[in-house]
Amino acid sequence: SYADSHQEELRELEISQDRLVAEIFKQLTSPISQEKSDSLYNIYETLESKKIKLTVNHLNDVRAILKEDQLQDFSKLIKHLLNNSFSRSRSKKRRPPPRGPRR
């Protein structure tokens, strides 16, 4: 189904992000080059972008199969997602740690 496929692809991206965050934190005890550090952050940001694109494409696919009378409910779904799923409090949970040492 659309939902199962979407969830599986998101899960794979999130697993990759979790691995990157672990590697970013490891640099606190085993420093790496600035170039490698920047690369880890760039990959994380690319994965986050892929998640957003994947979700937008999924929602476009869902909208494409809706009947006219279902479109109003789709608009409500989008408002719900904006108010709940993509709020600032959720996005803070997925951000990588700040770059570089604290001063």
C-alpha atoms as a PDB file:
ATOM      1  CA  SER A   1       0.000   0.000   0.000  1.00  0.00           C
ATOM      2  CA  TYR A   2       0.976   3.655  -0.327  1.00  0.00           C
ATOM      3  CA  ALA A   3       1.212   4.047   3.429  1.00  0.00           C
ATOM      4  CA  ASP A   4       3.322   0.922   4.024  1.00  0.00           C
ATOM      5  CA  SER A   5       5.768   1.806   1.280  1.00  0.00           C
ATOM      6  CA  HIS A   6       6.055   5.386   2.526  1.00  0.00           C
ATOM      7  CA  GLN A   7       6.594   4.284   6.132  1.00  0.00           C
ATOM      8  CA  GLU A   8       9.286   1.789   5.128  1.00  0.00           C
ATOM      9  CA  GLU A   9      11.199   4.361   3.078  1.00  0.00           C
ATOM     10  CA  LEU A  10      10.970   6.882   5.931  1.00  0.00           C
ATOM     11  CA  ARG A  11      12.146   4.262   8.413  1.00  0.00           C
ATOM     12  CA  GLU A  12      15.221   3.516   6.277  1.00  0.00           C
ATOM     13  CA  LEU A  13      16.104   7.215   6.060  1.00  0.00           C
ATOM     14  CA  GLU A  14      15.658   7.649   9.821  1.00  0.00           C
ATOM     15  CA  ILE A  15      17.897   4.655  10.534  1.00  0.00           C
ATOM     16  CA  SER A  16      20.570   6.242   8.349  1.00  0.00           C
ATOM     17  CA  GLN A  17      20.136   9.535  10.214  1.00  0.00           C
ATOM     18  CA  ASP A  18      20.446   7.788  13.568  1.00  0.00           C
ATOM     19  CA  ARG A  19      23.724   6.210  12.455  1.00  0.00           C
ATOM     20  CA  LEU A  20      25.021   9.601  11.355  1.00  0.00           C
ATOM     21  CA  VAL A  21      24.089  11.205  14.668  1.00  0.00           C
ATOM     22  CA  ALA A  22      25.964   8.432  16.470  1.00  0.00           C
ATOM     23  CA  GLU A  23      29.015   9.096  14.306  1.00  0.00           C
ATOM     24  CA  ILE A  24      28.736  12.836  14.940  1.00  0.00           C
ATOM     25  CA  PHE A  25      28.675  12.229  18.690  1.00  0.00           C
ATOM     26  CA  LYS A  26      31.622   9.830  18.467  1.00  0.00           C
ATOM     27  CA  GLN A  27      33.761  12.734  17.288  1.00  0.00           C
ATOM     28  CA  LEU A  28      33.490  14.114  20.822  1.00  0.00           C
ATOM     29  CA  THR A  29      35.820  11.350  21.991  1.00  0.00           C
ATOM     30  CA  SER A  30      37.676  10.622  18.750  1.00  0.00           C
ATOM     31  CA  PRO A  31      38.054  13.881  16.830  1.00  0.00           C
ATOM     32  CA  ILE A  32      37.792  13.786  13.053  1.00  0.00           C
ATOM     33  CA  SER A  33      38.757  16.292  10.399  1.00  0.00           C
ATOM     34  CA  GLN A  34      36.569  19.328   9.830  1.00  0.00           C
ATOM     35  CA  GLU A  35      36.001  18.085   6.273  1.00  0.00           C
ATOM     36  CA  LYS A  36      34.677  14.735   7.553  1.00  0.00           C
ATOM     37  CA  SER A  37      32.546  16.500  10.157  1.00  0.00           C
ATOM     38  CA  ASP A  38      31.043  18.819   7.538  1.00  0.00           C
ATOM     39  CA  SER A  39      30.379  15.821   5.329  1.00  0.00           C
ATOM     40  CA  LEU A  40      28.401  14.092   8.091  1.00  0.00           C
ATOM     41  CA  TYR A  41      26.231  17.168   8.593  1.00  0.00           C
ATOM     42  CA  ASN A  42      25.674  17.545   4.858  1.00  0.00           C
ATOM     43  CA  ILE A  43      24.607  13.910   4.538  1.00  0.00           C
ATOM     44  CA  TYR A  44      22.215  14.341   7.474  1.00  0.00           C
ATOM     45  CA  GLU A  45      20.667  17.406   5.840  1.00  0.00           C
ATOM     46  CA  THR A  46      20.355  15.557   2.530  1.00  0.00           C
ATOM     47  CA  LEU A  47      18.533  12.691   4.245  1.00  0.00           C
ATOM     48  CA  GLU A  48      16.175  15.149   5.944  1.00  0.00           C
ATOM     49  CA  SER A  49      15.444  16.747   2.583  1.00  0.00           C
ATOM     50  CA  LYS A  50      14.737  13.305   1.110  1.00  0.00           C
ATOM     51  CA  LYS A  51      12.260  12.606   3.914  1.00  0.00           C
ATOM     52  CA  ILE A  52      10.372  15.813   3.166  1.00  0.00           C
ATOM     53  CA  LYS A  53      10.324  15.144  -0.581  1.00  0.00           C
ATOM     54  CA  LEU A  54       9.232  11.555   0.002  1.00  0.00           C
ATOM     55  CA  THR A  55       6.344  12.711   2.171  1.00  0.00           C
ATOM     56  CA  VAL A  56       5.253  15.422  -0.263  1.00  0.00           C
ATOM     57  CA  ASN A  57       5.311  12.898  -3.115  1.00  0.00           C
ATOM     58  CA  HIS A  58       3.352  10.412  -0.999  1.00  0.00           C
ATOM     59  CA  LEU A  59       0.716  13.016  -0.180  1.00  0.00           C
ATOM     60  CA  ASN A  60       0.480  13.995  -3.853  1.00  0.00           C
ATOM     61  CA  ASP A  61      -0.078  10.325  -4.723  1.00  0.00           C
ATOM     62  CA  VAL A  62      -2.809  10.077  -2.094  1.00  0.00           C
ATOM     63  CA  ARG A  63      -4.487  13.259  -3.306  1.00  0.00           C
ATOM     64  CA  ALA A  64      -4.432  11.966  -6.887  1.00  0.00           C
ATOM     65  CA  ILE A  65      -6.612   8.970  -6.004  1.00  0.00           C
ATOM     66  CA  LEU A  66      -9.164  10.883  -3.935  1.00  0.00           C
ATOM     67  CA  LYS A  67     -12.677  11.557  -5.125  1.00  0.00           C
ATOM     68  CA  GLU A  68     -13.890  15.145  -5.273  1.00  0.00           C
ATOM     69  CA  ASP A  69     -15.854  14.822  -2.023  1.00  0.00           C
ATOM     70  CA  GLN A  70     -12.737  13.588  -0.187  1.00  0.00           C
ATOM     71  CA  LEU A  71     -10.560  16.588  -1.014  1.00  0.00           C
ATOM     72  CA  GLN A  72     -11.915  18.641   1.888  1.00  0.00           C
ATOM     73  CA  ASP A  73     -10.813  15.902   4.297  1.00  0.00           C
ATOM     74  CA  PHE A  74      -7.412  15.893   2.605  1.00  0.00           C
ATOM     75  CA  SER A  75      -7.090  19.614   3.333  1.00  0.00           C
ATOM     76  CA  LYS A  76      -7.925  18.893   6.974  1.00  0.00           C
ATOM     77  CA  LEU A  77      -5.246  16.195   7.027  1.00  0.00           C
ATOM     78  CA  ILE A  78      -2.638  18.642   5.736  1.00  0.00           C
ATOM     79  CA  LYS A  79      -3.626  21.200   8.409  1.00  0.00           C
ATOM     80  CA  HIS A  80      -3.390  18.475  11.054  1.00  0.00           C
ATOM     81  CA  LEU A  81       0.077  17.474   9.836  1.00  0.00           C
ATOM     82  CA  LEU A  82       1.243  21.068   9.881  1.00  0.00           C
ATOM     83  CA  ASN A  83      -0.100  21.647  13.379  1.00  0.00           C
ATOM     84  CA  ASN A  84       1.046  18.378  14.928  1.00  0.00           C
ATOM     85  CA  SER A  85       3.551  16.304  13.005  1.00  0.00           C
ATOM     86  CA  PHE A  86       5.776  19.080  11.742  1.00  0.00           C
ATOM     87  CA  SER A  87       5.699  21.386  14.743  1.00  0.00           C
ATOM     88  CA  ARG A  88       8.867  22.916  16.173  1.00  0.00           C
ATOM     89  CA  SER A  89       8.890  20.531  19.133  1.00  0.00           C
ATOM     90  CA  ARG A  90       9.100  17.512  16.813  1.00  0.00           C
ATOM     91  CA  SER A  91      11.749  19.021  14.570  1.00  0.00           C
ATOM     92  CA  LYS A  92      13.980  19.746  17.570  1.00  0.00           C
ATOM     93  CA  LYS A  93      14.044  16.026  18.350  1.00  0.00           C
ATOM     94  CA  ARG A  94      15.573  15.156  14.971  1.00  0.00           C
ATOM     95  CA  ARG A  95      18.235  17.841  14.673  1.00  0.00           C
ATOM     96  CA  PRO A  96      21.876  16.814  14.792  1.00  0.00           C
ATOM     97  CA  PRO A  97      24.086  18.226  17.531  1.00  0.00           C
ATOM     98  CA  PRO A  98      25.653  21.653  16.978  1.00  0.00           C
ATOM     99  CA  ARG A  99      28.839  21.783  14.927  1.00  0.00           C
ATOM    100  CA  GLY A 100      32.216  22.138  16.559  1.00  0.00           C
ATOM    101  CA  PRO A 101      33.260  22.346  20.199  1.00  0.00           C
ATOM    102  CA  ARG A 102      31.346  24.440  22.714  1.00  0.00           C
ATOM    103  CA  ARG A 103      33.056  27.560  23.939  1.00  0.00           C
END
